[in-house]
Amino acid sequence: MRILICYASYSGNTKEVAELIEQRLLEEVNHSVFVYRIGTGIIPDPSLFDLIMIGTFTWGKGATPDDVKDFVYEIGYKPPNVFIFGTGDTQFGGDTLFCHAAEKLAKFYQSTYKPLKIEQSPRGSQENTVIEWTEGVLKHCLKH
């Protein structure tokens, strides 16, 4: 399976999640994984991938970062098999707006698997949450 991981990160939290996802995916021989940091050059052609994972942080009080919005616009269409992961901080807007950008992207792409939502850094017990989500996405894709 060819997998594209795209992410935007300012503080490094979403980058850490992307790296954990990549590490888990590379543990299986049958996956080819390409990682792209949003806003750093030419966007890979989504049609070349079987599965796309997009990571975002939530900006301010529930906003999607402009870099991510530009990325979505530049792709120009909604590829199939898009899955969303995000980082956020409940101190900005509480549970209602926690990882709201990830929720909005999952809805936009009509993702068929719940978005991953991580409080700040994925270190510690949240590492398992990232791994479980990644495995869940893979199993979900194999069923469909």
N, C-alpha and C. Protein backbone atom coordinates (compact mmCIF):
# COMPACT_ATOMS: atom_id res chain seq x y z
N MET A 1 0.84 -1.17 0.00
CA MET A 1 0.00 0.00 0.00
C MET A 1 0.89 1.24 0.00
N ARG A 2 0.58 2.19 -0.87
CA ARG A 2 1.31 3.46 -0.93
C ARG A 2 0.57 4.48 -0.06
N ILE A 3 1.30 5.03 0.92
CA ILE A 3 0.69 5.91 1.90
C ILE A 3 1.41 7.24 1.93
N LEU A 4 0.61 8.32 1.89
CA LEU A 4 1.12 9.68 1.98
C LEU A 4 0.72 10.26 3.33
N ILE A 5 1.70 10.73 4.09
CA ILE A 5 1.44 11.42 5.35
C ILE A 5 1.79 12.89 5.13
N CYS A 6 0.81 13.76 5.25
CA CYS A 6 1.02 15.20 5.12
C CYS A 6 0.68 15.83 6.47
N TYR A 7 1.47 16.82 6.87
CA TYR A 7 1.17 17.43 8.17
C TYR A 7 1.66 18.87 8.20
N ALA A 8 1.02 19.66 9.04
CA ALA A 8 1.46 21.02 9.36
C ALA A 8 1.78 21.04 10.84
N SER A 9 2.89 21.68 11.20
CA SER A 9 3.29 21.71 12.60
C SER A 9 4.11 22.97 12.87
N TYR A 10 3.75 23.70 13.90
CA TYR A 10 4.54 24.86 14.32
C TYR A 10 5.34 24.53 15.56
N SER A 11 4.71 23.89 16.55
CA SER A 11 5.37 23.61 17.82
C SER A 11 6.12 22.28 17.81
N GLY A 12 5.84 21.45 16.81
CA GLY A 12 6.48 20.15 16.71
C GLY A 12 5.60 18.99 17.16
N ASN A 13 4.45 19.28 17.78
CA ASN A 13 3.58 18.21 18.27
C ASN A 13 2.99 17.39 17.13
N THR A 14 2.47 18.04 16.12
CA THR A 14 1.87 17.32 14.99
C THR A 14 2.95 16.57 14.21
N LYS A 15 4.15 17.14 14.14
CA LYS A 15 5.27 16.46 13.50
C LYS A 15 5.59 15.17 14.25
N GLU A 16 5.58 15.22 15.58
CA GLU A 16 5.85 14.01 16.37
C GLU A 16 4.81 12.93 16.10
N VAL A 17 3.54 13.33 15.98
CA VAL A 17 2.49 12.36 15.67
C VAL A 17 2.75 11.75 14.30
N ALA A 18 3.07 12.59 13.31
CA ALA A 18 3.35 12.10 11.96
C ALA A 18 4.51 11.10 11.97
N GLU A 19 5.55 11.39 12.75
CA GLU A 19 6.70 10.49 12.84
C GLU A 19 6.33 9.15 13.48
N LEU A 20 5.48 9.18 14.50
CA LEU A 20 5.03 7.93 15.13
C LEU A 20 4.21 7.10 14.14
N ILE A 21 3.34 7.77 13.39
CA ILE A 21 2.54 7.08 12.38
C ILE A 21 3.45 6.45 11.34
N GLU A 22 4.41 7.23 10.85
CA GLU A 22 5.35 6.72 9.85
C GLU A 22 6.12 5.51 10.39
N GLN A 23 6.60 5.63 11.60
CA GLN A 23 7.36 4.53 12.22
C GLN A 23 6.52 3.26 12.27
N ARG A 24 5.26 3.39 12.67
CA ARG A 24 4.38 2.22 12.77
C ARG A 24 4.13 1.63 11.38
N LEU A 25 3.89 2.48 10.39
CA LEU A 25 3.62 2.00 9.03
C LEU A 25 4.82 1.29 8.43
N LEU A 26 6.01 1.77 8.72
CA LEU A 26 7.22 1.18 8.16
C LEU A 26 7.58 -0.16 8.80
N GLU A 27 6.92 -0.50 9.91
CA GLU A 27 7.15 -1.79 10.54
C GLU A 27 6.60 -2.93 9.69
N GLU A 28 5.71 -2.60 8.77
CA GLU A 28 5.15 -3.61 7.88
C GLU A 28 5.80 -3.46 6.51
N VAL A 29 6.29 -4.54 5.97
CA VAL A 29 7.06 -4.54 4.73
C VAL A 29 6.24 -4.09 3.52
N ASN A 30 4.95 -4.33 3.55
CA ASN A 30 4.14 -4.09 2.35
C ASN A 30 3.66 -2.64 2.21
N HIS A 31 4.23 -1.71 2.97
CA HIS A 31 3.83 -0.31 2.86
C HIS A 31 4.98 0.54 2.35
N SER A 32 4.65 1.42 1.41
CA SER A 32 5.57 2.44 0.96
C SER A 32 5.05 3.76 1.51
N VAL A 33 5.86 4.45 2.31
CA VAL A 33 5.40 5.64 3.00
C VAL A 33 6.19 6.87 2.54
N PHE A 34 5.46 7.94 2.22
CA PHE A 34 6.07 9.20 1.84
C PHE A 34 5.53 10.26 2.80
N VAL A 35 6.42 11.07 3.37
CA VAL A 35 6.02 12.11 4.32
C VAL A 35 6.27 13.48 3.70
N TYR A 36 5.28 14.34 3.81
CA TYR A 36 5.36 15.70 3.27
C TYR A 36 4.94 16.69 4.34
N ARG A 37 5.81 17.63 4.66
CA ARG A 37 5.45 18.71 5.60
C ARG A 37 4.78 19.82 4.80
N ILE A 38 3.54 20.08 5.12
CA ILE A 38 2.74 21.07 4.39
C ILE A 38 3.44 22.42 4.40
N GLY A 39 3.51 23.01 3.21
CA GLY A 39 4.11 24.33 3.05
C GLY A 39 5.59 24.31 2.73
N THR A 40 6.14 23.14 2.41
CA THR A 40 7.59 23.05 2.17
C THR A 40 7.92 22.54 0.77
N GLY A 41 7.26 23.07 -0.21
CA GLY A 41 7.61 22.67 -1.57
C GLY A 41 6.43 22.14 -2.35
N ILE A 42 6.75 21.41 -3.39
CA ILE A 42 5.73 20.89 -4.29
C ILE A 42 4.94 19.77 -3.61
N ILE A 43 3.63 19.88 -3.66
CA ILE A 43 2.75 18.89 -3.05
C ILE A 43 2.79 17.60 -3.88
N PRO A 44 2.99 16.47 -3.23
CA PRO A 44 2.95 15.19 -3.95
C PRO A 44 1.57 14.98 -4.57
N ASP A 45 1.52 14.30 -5.69
CA ASP A 45 0.26 14.02 -6.38
C ASP A 45 -0.53 12.98 -5.59
N PRO A 46 -1.67 13.38 -5.01
CA PRO A 46 -2.45 12.45 -4.18
C PRO A 46 -2.92 11.21 -4.94
N SER A 47 -3.07 11.31 -6.26
CA SER A 47 -3.56 10.16 -7.03
C SER A 47 -2.56 9.01 -7.07
N LEU A 48 -1.33 9.25 -6.66
CA LEU A 48 -0.30 8.21 -6.65
C LEU A 48 -0.33 7.36 -5.38
N PHE A 49 -1.25 7.67 -4.46
CA PHE A 49 -1.28 7.00 -3.16
C PHE A 49 -2.61 6.31 -2.93
N ASP A 50 -2.55 5.19 -2.23
CA ASP A 50 -3.75 4.42 -1.89
C ASP A 50 -4.45 5.00 -0.66
N LEU A 51 -3.68 5.64 0.18
CA LEU A 51 -4.19 6.14 1.45
C LEU A 51 -3.46 7.44 1.77
N ILE A 52 -4.19 8.42 2.27
CA ILE A 52 -3.59 9.70 2.64
C ILE A 52 -3.96 10.03 4.07
N MET A 53 -2.97 10.41 4.85
CA MET A 53 -3.19 10.85 6.22
C MET A 53 -2.75 12.30 6.31
N ILE A 54 -3.65 13.14 6.79
CA ILE A 54 -3.36 14.57 6.90
C ILE A 54 -3.40 14.96 8.37
N GLY A 55 -2.33 15.63 8.81
CA GLY A 55 -2.24 16.06 10.20
C GLY A 55 -2.25 17.57 10.31
N THR A 56 -2.98 18.05 11.29
CA THR A 56 -3.08 19.49 11.52
C THR A 56 -3.12 19.76 13.02
N PHE A 57 -2.70 20.93 13.37
CA PHE A 57 -2.96 21.41 14.72
C PHE A 57 -4.18 22.32 14.64
N THR A 58 -4.75 22.63 15.78
CA THR A 58 -5.87 23.56 15.81
C THR A 58 -5.35 24.90 16.28
N TRP A 59 -5.63 25.90 15.49
CA TRP A 59 -5.11 27.23 15.71
C TRP A 59 -6.12 28.06 16.48
N GLY A 60 -5.65 28.84 17.46
CA GLY A 60 -6.54 29.73 18.19
C GLY A 60 -7.69 28.96 18.82
N LYS A 61 -8.87 29.44 18.59
CA LYS A 61 -10.05 28.81 19.20
C LYS A 61 -10.82 28.01 18.15
N GLY A 62 -10.21 26.92 17.69
CA GLY A 62 -10.89 26.02 16.78
C GLY A 62 -10.61 26.21 15.30
N ALA A 63 -9.68 27.07 14.96
CA ALA A 63 -9.42 27.39 13.55
C ALA A 63 -8.44 26.41 12.91
N THR A 64 -8.63 26.21 11.61
CA THR A 64 -7.70 25.43 10.80
C THR A 64 -6.59 26.37 10.34
N PRO A 65 -5.33 25.99 10.46
CA PRO A 65 -4.22 26.86 10.03
C PRO A 65 -4.31 27.18 8.54
N ASP A 66 -3.89 28.39 8.18
CA ASP A 66 -3.91 28.82 6.78
C ASP A 66 -3.11 27.90 5.88
N ASP A 67 -1.96 27.40 6.38
CA ASP A 67 -1.14 26.49 5.56
C ASP A 67 -1.94 25.24 5.17
N VAL A 68 -2.74 24.75 6.08
CA VAL A 68 -3.54 23.55 5.80
C VAL A 68 -4.67 23.90 4.81
N LYS A 69 -5.29 25.04 5.01
CA LYS A 69 -6.34 25.48 4.07
C LYS A 69 -5.77 25.63 2.66
N ASP A 70 -4.58 26.24 2.56
CA ASP A 70 -3.92 26.40 1.26
C ASP A 70 -3.61 25.05 0.63
N PHE A 71 -3.15 24.11 1.43
CA PHE A 71 -2.84 22.75 0.97
C PHE A 71 -4.09 22.10 0.37
N VAL A 72 -5.19 22.17 1.10
CA VAL A 72 -6.46 21.59 0.63
C VAL A 72 -6.87 22.23 -0.69
N TYR A 73 -6.74 23.55 -0.77
CA TYR A 73 -7.12 24.28 -1.98
C TYR A 73 -6.22 23.89 -3.16
N GLU A 74 -4.92 23.76 -2.90
CA GLU A 74 -3.98 23.44 -3.97
C GLU A 74 -4.19 22.03 -4.52
N ILE A 75 -4.61 21.10 -3.69
CA ILE A 75 -4.90 19.76 -4.19
C ILE A 75 -6.03 19.84 -5.21
N GLY A 76 -7.05 20.64 -4.90
CA GLY A 76 -8.10 20.94 -5.87
C GLY A 76 -9.23 19.93 -5.98
N TYR A 77 -9.13 18.81 -5.28
CA TYR A 77 -10.22 17.84 -5.28
C TYR A 77 -10.13 17.03 -3.99
N LYS A 78 -11.14 16.22 -3.73
CA LYS A 78 -11.15 15.39 -2.52
C LYS A 78 -10.77 13.96 -2.87
N PRO A 79 -9.50 13.60 -2.66
CA PRO A 79 -9.09 12.23 -2.94
C PRO A 79 -9.81 11.25 -2.00
N PRO A 80 -9.98 10.02 -2.43
CA PRO A 80 -10.58 9.01 -1.54
C PRO A 80 -9.57 8.57 -0.49
N ASN A 81 -10.05 7.88 0.52
CA ASN A 81 -9.21 7.30 1.56
C ASN A 81 -8.31 8.31 2.26
N VAL A 82 -8.92 9.41 2.72
CA VAL A 82 -8.20 10.42 3.49
C VAL A 82 -8.58 10.24 4.96
N PHE A 83 -7.56 10.21 5.80
CA PHE A 83 -7.75 10.06 7.24
C PHE A 83 -7.00 11.18 7.95
N ILE A 84 -7.59 11.69 9.01
CA ILE A 84 -7.10 12.91 9.64
C ILE A 84 -6.59 12.66 11.05
N PHE A 85 -5.46 13.29 11.37
CA PHE A 85 -4.97 13.30 12.74
C PHE A 85 -4.67 14.73 13.14
N GLY A 86 -4.80 15.01 14.42
CA GLY A 86 -4.59 16.38 14.85
C GLY A 86 -4.11 16.48 16.28
N THR A 87 -3.54 17.64 16.55
CA THR A 87 -3.13 17.96 17.91
C THR A 87 -3.84 19.23 18.33
N GLY A 88 -4.03 19.36 19.62
CA GLY A 88 -4.71 20.54 20.13
C GLY A 88 -4.43 20.71 21.61
N ASP A 89 -5.12 21.68 22.18
CA ASP A 89 -4.92 22.02 23.57
C ASP A 89 -6.28 22.40 24.15
N THR A 90 -6.74 21.66 25.12
CA THR A 90 -8.07 21.93 25.68
C THR A 90 -8.15 23.26 26.41
N GLN A 91 -7.02 23.89 26.72
CA GLN A 91 -7.08 25.19 27.41
C GLN A 91 -7.63 26.28 26.48
N PHE A 92 -7.62 26.03 25.16
CA PHE A 92 -8.19 26.99 24.21
C PHE A 92 -9.53 26.48 23.72
N GLY A 93 -10.60 26.84 24.40
CA GLY A 93 -11.94 26.46 23.95
C GLY A 93 -12.49 25.21 24.57
N GLY A 94 -11.74 24.56 25.46
CA GLY A 94 -12.24 23.37 26.15
C GLY A 94 -12.48 22.20 25.21
N ASP A 95 -13.28 21.27 25.66
CA ASP A 95 -13.55 20.05 24.89
C ASP A 95 -14.29 20.34 23.58
N THR A 96 -15.09 21.38 23.56
CA THR A 96 -15.88 21.70 22.37
C THR A 96 -15.00 22.02 21.17
N LEU A 97 -13.92 22.75 21.38
CA LEU A 97 -13.05 23.17 20.28
C LEU A 97 -11.75 22.37 20.21
N PHE A 98 -11.59 21.38 21.08
CA PHE A 98 -10.38 20.57 21.09
C PHE A 98 -10.21 19.85 19.75
N CYS A 99 -9.10 20.09 19.08
CA CYS A 99 -8.78 19.48 17.78
C CYS A 99 -9.90 19.72 16.76
N HIS A 100 -10.50 20.89 16.85
CA HIS A 100 -11.62 21.22 15.96
C HIS A 100 -11.19 21.23 14.49
N ALA A 101 -9.95 21.63 14.21
CA ALA A 101 -9.46 21.62 12.83
C ALA A 101 -9.46 20.20 12.27
N ALA A 102 -9.07 19.24 13.08
CA ALA A 102 -9.08 17.83 12.63
C ALA A 102 -10.51 17.38 12.37
N GLU A 103 -11.43 17.76 13.23
CA GLU A 103 -12.84 17.41 13.03
C GLU A 103 -13.37 18.00 11.73
N LYS A 104 -13.04 19.27 11.47
CA LYS A 104 -13.52 19.93 10.25
C LYS A 104 -12.94 19.28 8.99
N LEU A 105 -11.66 18.93 9.03
CA LEU A 105 -11.03 18.27 7.88
C LEU A 105 -11.64 16.90 7.63
N ALA A 106 -11.87 16.15 8.70
CA ALA A 106 -12.47 14.81 8.55
C ALA A 106 -13.85 14.92 7.92
N LYS A 107 -14.60 15.93 8.32
CA LYS A 107 -15.93 16.14 7.74
C LYS A 107 -15.81 16.55 6.27
N PHE A 108 -14.88 17.46 5.98
CA PHE A 108 -14.68 17.94 4.61
C PHE A 108 -14.33 16.79 3.67
N TYR A 109 -13.41 15.93 4.11
CA TYR A 109 -12.97 14.81 3.27
C TYR A 109 -13.88 13.59 3.38
N GLN A 110 -14.92 13.70 4.17
CA GLN A 110 -15.85 12.59 4.38
C GLN A 110 -15.09 11.33 4.78
N SER A 111 -14.16 11.53 5.70
CA SER A 111 -13.33 10.44 6.17
C SER A 111 -14.20 9.37 6.82
N THR A 112 -13.90 8.13 6.54
CA THR A 112 -14.72 7.02 7.02
C THR A 112 -14.18 6.41 8.31
N TYR A 113 -13.21 7.09 8.94
CA TYR A 113 -12.67 6.65 10.21
C TYR A 113 -12.48 7.88 11.09
N LYS A 114 -12.77 7.76 12.35
CA LYS A 114 -12.71 8.92 13.25
C LYS A 114 -11.32 9.56 13.25
N PRO A 115 -11.27 10.89 13.35
CA PRO A 115 -9.96 11.54 13.39
C PRO A 115 -9.24 11.25 14.72
N LEU A 116 -7.94 11.20 14.65
CA LEU A 116 -7.12 11.05 15.85
C LEU A 116 -6.95 12.43 16.46
N LYS A 117 -7.18 12.53 17.77
CA LYS A 117 -7.04 13.81 18.46
C LYS A 117 -6.10 13.62 19.65
N ILE A 118 -5.00 14.39 19.63
CA ILE A 118 -3.96 14.28 20.65
C ILE A 118 -3.83 15.61 21.38
N GLU A 119 -3.81 15.54 22.71
CA GLU A 119 -3.60 16.72 23.55
C GLU A 119 -2.11 17.05 23.54
N GLN A 120 -1.77 18.17 22.90
CA GLN A 120 -0.40 18.65 22.78
C GLN A 120 0.53 17.60 22.20
N SER A 121 1.52 17.14 22.97
CA SER A 121 2.51 16.18 22.48
C SER A 121 2.02 14.74 22.61
N PRO A 122 2.40 13.88 21.66
CA PRO A 122 1.98 12.48 21.75
C PRO A 122 2.82 11.64 22.71
N ARG A 123 3.79 12.26 23.36
CA ARG A 123 4.69 11.49 24.24
C ARG A 123 3.92 10.85 25.40
N GLY A 124 4.49 9.78 25.91
CA GLY A 124 3.88 9.10 27.06
C GLY A 124 2.76 8.19 26.63
N SER A 125 1.68 8.18 27.39
CA SER A 125 0.58 7.25 27.13
C SER A 125 -0.12 7.51 25.80
N GLN A 126 -0.01 8.72 25.29
CA GLN A 126 -0.67 9.03 24.01
C GLN A 126 0.02 8.38 22.82
N GLU A 127 1.26 7.93 22.99
CA GLU A 127 1.94 7.20 21.91
C GLU A 127 1.13 5.97 21.53
N ASN A 128 0.61 5.27 22.52
CA ASN A 128 -0.21 4.09 22.25
C ASN A 128 -1.48 4.46 21.49
N THR A 129 -2.05 5.61 21.81
CA THR A 129 -3.25 6.08 21.11
C THR A 129 -2.95 6.28 19.62
N VAL A 130 -1.78 6.85 19.33
CA VAL A 130 -1.37 7.07 17.93
C VAL A 130 -1.21 5.73 17.21
N ILE A 131 -0.54 4.80 17.85
CA ILE A 131 -0.31 3.48 17.24
C ILE A 131 -1.64 2.75 17.02
N GLU A 132 -2.51 2.78 18.01
CA GLU A 132 -3.82 2.12 17.88
C GLU A 132 -4.64 2.74 16.75
N TRP A 133 -4.61 4.06 16.64
CA TRP A 133 -5.36 4.74 15.57
C TRP A 133 -4.81 4.32 14.21
N THR A 134 -3.48 4.31 14.09
CA THR A 134 -2.85 3.94 12.82
C THR A 134 -3.23 2.52 12.43
N GLU A 135 -3.17 1.61 13.36
CA GLU A 135 -3.56 0.22 13.09
C GLU A 135 -5.05 0.13 12.74
N GLY A 136 -5.86 0.94 13.42
CA GLY A 136 -7.29 0.97 13.12
C GLY A 136 -7.58 1.45 11.71
N VAL A 137 -6.86 2.47 11.26
CA VAL A 137 -7.03 2.97 9.89
C VAL A 137 -6.67 1.87 8.89
N LEU A 138 -5.55 1.19 9.13
CA LEU A 138 -5.12 0.13 8.21
C LEU A 138 -6.17 -0.98 8.13
N LYS A 139 -6.66 -1.43 9.27
CA LYS A 139 -7.68 -2.48 9.28
C LYS A 139 -8.94 -2.01 8.58
N HIS A 140 -9.32 -0.77 8.83
CA HIS A 140 -10.51 -0.19 8.20
C HIS A 140 -10.36 -0.19 6.68
N CYS A 141 -9.19 0.19 6.20
CA CYS A 141 -8.94 0.24 4.74
C CYS A 141 -8.99 -1.15 4.12
N LEU A 142 -8.49 -2.13 4.83
CA LEU A 142 -8.48 -3.49 4.30
C LEU A 142 -9.90 -4.05 4.19
N LYS A 143 -10.80 -3.58 5.03
CA LYS A 143 -12.20 -4.04 4.98
C LYS A 143 -12.95 -3.43 3.81
N HIS A 144 -12.55 -2.22 3.43
CA HIS A 144 -13.32 -1.48 2.41
C HIS A 144 -12.62 -1.48 1.08
